[in-house]
Amino acid sequence: MSTPTTDQGAIADPGPLGLAAFAATTCVLSTFNANLITDKSLVAVVLPLALFYGGLAQLLAGMWEFRKGNTFGATAFGSFGAFWLSYAAYAKFVVPGLPAATANQATGLYLLVWAVFTIYMTVAATRTTGAILAVFVTLSATFVVLCVAEFAQSPNTVKAGGWLGLLTAVCAWYASFAGVTNSTYHRAVMPVLPNLGERLRPHRAHHGGPFGAHA
């Protein structure tokens, strides 16, 4: 029985997988932060998603981005995969043992370092596509607002961060949708808005993937 000929050296684009994993986990957690579900005992539903989809699947996507030679994608997916794994461990094993009066300071510090990372990745994202840039801009805003909310112990600011997180999830889902659809159709069906990084290099063909130019 004959089999179709394939390029054995090529691998599929891991970007849509990583973006979908990030979007789903962010959406579920942000639903609770935005207070759309008021029973906080149900927030445990985030943990399996954080471990296996937002964490493991995204971490694997990051390792495949290394294989593709994409420094930006590898750093982003590898780091945010580790973020979700660390979040699951923090929420399950660390938070219950923290002193109630000052636990918010630990959480605020945790969010602060991720805000710093996301902001400088946003600078790098200006050389990818508009779809990816939108994810990083909204995610930066989400981390900053949630960080402020923890240090200030402001429930209303947490809600604002939750809504920003939902917007981030929508942007990430769109970027994932565009990446997998354009790859399947072998043409740019869904726009990802190649931005300044692409326009500065018009000789490079854009294939419709979520990250555009590789670093």
Protein backbone atom coordinates (compact mmCIF):
# COMPACT_ATOMS: atom_id res chain seq x y z
CA MET A 1 0.00 0.00 0.00
CA SER A 2 1.54 3.28 -1.07
CA THR A 3 1.79 6.30 1.22
CA PRO A 4 1.89 9.97 0.26
CA THR A 5 5.27 11.59 0.00
CA THR A 6 6.01 14.12 2.75
CA ASP A 7 8.90 16.32 3.73
CA GLN A 8 10.41 14.35 6.60
CA GLY A 9 12.37 17.38 7.79
CA ALA A 10 9.33 19.62 8.23
CA ILE A 11 7.13 19.89 11.30
CA ALA A 12 3.70 21.45 11.66
CA ASP A 13 3.33 24.96 13.05
CA PRO A 14 2.92 24.62 16.84
CA GLY A 15 1.66 28.21 17.19
CA PRO A 16 -2.09 27.53 16.89
CA LEU A 17 -1.86 24.79 19.55
CA GLY A 18 -0.01 27.01 21.99
CA LEU A 19 -2.37 29.93 21.41
CA ALA A 20 -5.48 27.76 21.82
CA ALA A 21 -4.13 26.28 25.07
CA PHE A 22 -3.35 29.73 26.41
CA ALA A 23 -6.74 31.12 25.36
CA ALA A 24 -8.84 28.38 26.93
CA THR A 25 -7.09 28.47 30.29
CA THR A 26 -7.06 32.27 30.40
CA CYS A 27 -10.77 32.37 29.56
CA VAL A 28 -11.80 30.02 32.37
CA LEU A 29 -9.70 31.78 35.04
CA SER A 30 -10.78 35.22 33.85
CA THR A 31 -14.43 34.19 34.08
CA PHE A 32 -13.96 33.87 37.83
CA ASN A 33 -11.87 37.04 38.10
CA ALA A 34 -14.58 38.98 36.27
CA ASN A 35 -17.09 37.55 38.79
CA LEU A 36 -19.24 36.05 36.06
CA ILE A 37 -19.35 32.92 38.25
CA THR A 38 -19.71 33.94 41.88
CA ASP A 39 -19.19 30.53 43.53
CA LYS A 40 -15.43 30.70 44.07
CA SER A 41 -15.28 27.06 45.17
CA LEU A 42 -15.68 26.19 41.49
CA VAL A 43 -12.40 27.89 40.57
CA ALA A 44 -10.73 24.49 41.02
CA VAL A 45 -11.86 23.76 37.45
CA VAL A 46 -8.91 25.89 36.34
CA LEU A 47 -6.29 23.54 37.79
CA PRO A 48 -6.58 20.60 35.34
CA LEU A 49 -6.68 23.03 32.43
CA ALA A 50 -3.62 24.83 33.81
CA LEU A 51 -1.75 21.56 34.18
CA PHE A 52 -2.53 19.75 30.96
CA TYR A 53 -3.61 22.32 28.37
CA GLY A 54 -2.32 25.74 29.36
CA GLY A 55 0.74 24.12 30.94
CA LEU A 56 1.85 20.90 29.26
CA ALA A 57 0.45 21.51 25.75
CA GLN A 58 1.82 25.04 25.64
CA LEU A 59 5.21 23.93 26.96
CA LEU A 60 5.38 21.31 24.20
CA ALA A 61 4.45 23.98 21.65
CA GLY A 62 7.36 26.04 22.93
CA MET A 63 9.78 23.14 22.48
CA TRP A 64 8.55 22.63 18.91
CA GLU A 65 9.08 26.34 18.26
CA PHE A 66 12.74 25.78 19.23
CA ARG A 67 12.82 23.06 16.59
CA LYS A 68 11.45 25.51 14.01
CA GLY A 69 14.07 28.10 14.93
CA ASN A 70 11.49 30.59 16.25
CA THR A 71 13.08 32.31 19.26
CA PHE A 72 10.01 34.44 20.01
CA GLY A 73 7.55 31.54 19.87
CA ALA A 74 9.80 29.26 21.91
CA THR A 75 10.29 31.91 24.61
CA ALA A 76 6.60 32.84 24.72
CA PHE A 77 5.10 29.35 24.77
CA GLY A 78 7.83 27.86 26.95
CA SER A 79 7.41 30.62 29.50
CA PHE A 80 3.61 30.74 29.57
CA GLY A 81 3.42 26.96 29.67
CA ALA A 82 5.59 27.15 32.78
CA PHE A 83 3.40 30.00 34.06
CA TRP A 84 0.30 27.82 34.03
CA LEU A 85 2.13 24.90 35.63
CA SER A 86 3.45 27.19 38.35
CA TYR A 87 0.01 28.76 38.81
CA ALA A 88 -1.55 25.34 39.40
CA ALA A 89 1.13 24.48 41.97
CA TYR A 90 0.86 27.89 43.64
CA ALA A 91 -2.94 27.80 43.89
CA LYS A 92 -3.07 24.18 45.07
CA PHE A 93 -0.08 23.86 47.39
CA VAL A 94 1.21 27.31 48.37
CA VAL A 95 -1.76 29.67 48.79
CA PRO A 96 -3.53 27.56 51.46
CA GLY A 97 -0.45 27.84 53.69
CA LEU A 98 0.10 31.60 53.32
CA PRO A 99 -0.93 33.99 56.13
CA ALA A 100 -4.31 35.45 55.22
CA ALA A 101 -3.31 39.00 56.14
CA THR A 102 -0.34 39.18 53.75
CA ALA A 103 -0.97 36.48 51.12
CA ASN A 104 -1.91 39.19 48.63
CA GLN A 105 1.67 40.50 48.69
CA ALA A 106 3.02 37.14 47.52
CA THR A 107 0.41 36.93 44.77
CA GLY A 108 1.08 40.54 43.76
CA LEU A 109 4.80 39.84 43.47
CA TYR A 110 4.10 36.72 41.44
CA LEU A 111 1.96 38.72 39.02
CA LEU A 112 4.48 41.56 38.90
CA VAL A 113 7.30 39.43 37.50
CA TRP A 114 4.96 38.06 34.84
CA ALA A 115 3.87 41.59 33.96
CA VAL A 116 7.51 42.58 33.43
CA PHE A 117 8.12 39.55 31.20
CA THR A 118 4.97 40.14 29.17
CA ILE A 119 5.71 43.82 28.63
CA TYR A 120 9.15 43.20 27.16
CA MET A 121 7.75 40.37 25.04
CA THR A 122 5.22 42.90 23.76
CA VAL A 123 8.11 44.98 22.44
CA ALA A 124 9.40 41.91 20.58
CA ALA A 125 5.87 41.14 19.36
CA THR A 126 5.90 44.32 17.28
CA ARG A 127 8.07 42.35 14.84
CA THR A 128 5.55 39.50 14.45
CA THR A 129 1.92 40.09 13.39
CA GLY A 130 -0.91 42.33 14.48
CA ALA A 131 -2.81 39.30 15.79
CA ILE A 132 0.03 38.31 18.12
CA LEU A 133 0.69 41.91 19.11
CA ALA A 134 -2.95 42.23 20.19
CA VAL A 135 -2.54 39.19 22.44
CA PHE A 136 0.52 40.63 24.15
CA VAL A 137 -0.88 44.15 24.54
CA THR A 138 -4.06 42.87 26.20
CA LEU A 139 -2.14 40.33 28.27
CA SER A 140 0.27 43.00 29.53
CA ALA A 141 -2.70 45.12 30.59
CA THR A 142 -4.25 42.09 32.31
CA PHE A 143 -1.15 41.31 34.37
CA VAL A 144 -0.61 44.95 35.35
CA VAL A 145 -4.22 45.43 36.46
CA LEU A 146 -4.31 42.14 38.39
CA CYS A 147 -0.98 42.97 40.03
CA VAL A 148 -2.33 46.35 41.18
CA ALA A 149 -5.53 44.64 42.35
CA GLU A 150 -3.60 42.24 44.58
CA PHE A 151 -1.38 44.86 46.18
CA ALA A 152 -4.34 47.22 46.66
CA GLN A 153 -6.70 44.38 47.67
CA SER A 154 -9.35 45.85 45.38
CA PRO A 155 -12.14 43.46 44.26
CA ASN A 156 -13.32 45.90 41.59
CA THR A 157 -9.83 46.05 40.09
CA VAL A 158 -9.75 42.24 40.04
CA LYS A 159 -12.98 42.36 38.04
CA ALA A 160 -11.41 44.78 35.57
CA GLY A 161 -8.46 42.42 35.22
CA GLY A 162 -10.88 39.56 34.62
CA TRP A 163 -12.55 41.38 31.74
CA LEU A 164 -9.16 42.22 30.26
CA GLY A 165 -8.26 38.54 30.57
CA LEU A 166 -11.39 37.57 28.65
CA LEU A 167 -10.41 40.03 25.91
CA THR A 168 -6.92 38.48 25.87
CA ALA A 169 -8.45 35.02 25.46
CA VAL A 170 -10.54 36.20 22.49
CA CYS A 171 -7.44 37.68 20.83
CA ALA A 172 -5.47 34.46 21.40
CA TRP A 173 -8.29 32.30 20.07
CA TYR A 174 -8.49 34.44 16.96
CA ALA A 175 -4.74 34.17 16.37
CA SER A 176 -4.98 30.39 16.83
CA PHE A 177 -8.00 30.18 14.52
CA ALA A 178 -6.22 32.23 11.86
CA GLY A 179 -3.06 30.14 12.11
CA VAL A 180 -4.75 26.74 11.81
CA THR A 181 -7.22 27.90 9.12
CA ASN A 182 -4.57 29.55 6.95
CA SER A 183 -2.37 26.47 7.26
CA THR A 184 -5.23 24.14 6.33
CA TYR A 185 -6.32 26.22 3.35
CA HIS A 186 -2.70 26.92 2.31
CA ARG A 187 -3.49 30.60 1.89
CA ALA A 188 -4.26 33.65 4.00
CA VAL A 189 -7.99 33.17 4.62
CA MET A 190 -8.03 34.92 8.02
CA PRO A 191 -5.96 38.10 8.27
CA VAL A 192 -3.23 38.26 10.91
CA LEU A 193 -2.22 41.79 9.95
CA PRO A 194 1.47 41.65 9.08
CA ASN A 195 2.80 44.82 10.68
CA LEU A 196 5.94 46.94 10.68
CA GLY A 197 8.24 43.94 11.03
CA GLU A 198 6.92 42.51 7.77
CA ARG A 199 6.61 45.78 5.90
CA LEU A 200 10.26 46.53 6.56
CA ARG A 201 11.10 43.29 4.74
CA PRO A 202 8.80 43.09 1.71
CA HIS A 203 10.99 40.49 0.06
CA ARG A 204 10.01 37.90 2.67
CA ALA A 205 6.85 35.99 1.85
CA HIS A 206 4.20 35.92 4.55
CA HIS A 207 2.51 32.54 4.88
CA GLY A 208 -0.36 33.52 7.16
CA GLY A 209 1.03 31.95 10.35
CA PRO A 210 0.34 33.68 13.66
CA PHE A 211 3.91 34.73 14.38
CA GLY A 212 4.96 35.99 10.96
CA ALA A 213 8.70 36.65 10.91
CA HIS A 214 10.86 34.28 12.88
CA ALA A 215 13.66 35.56 15.08
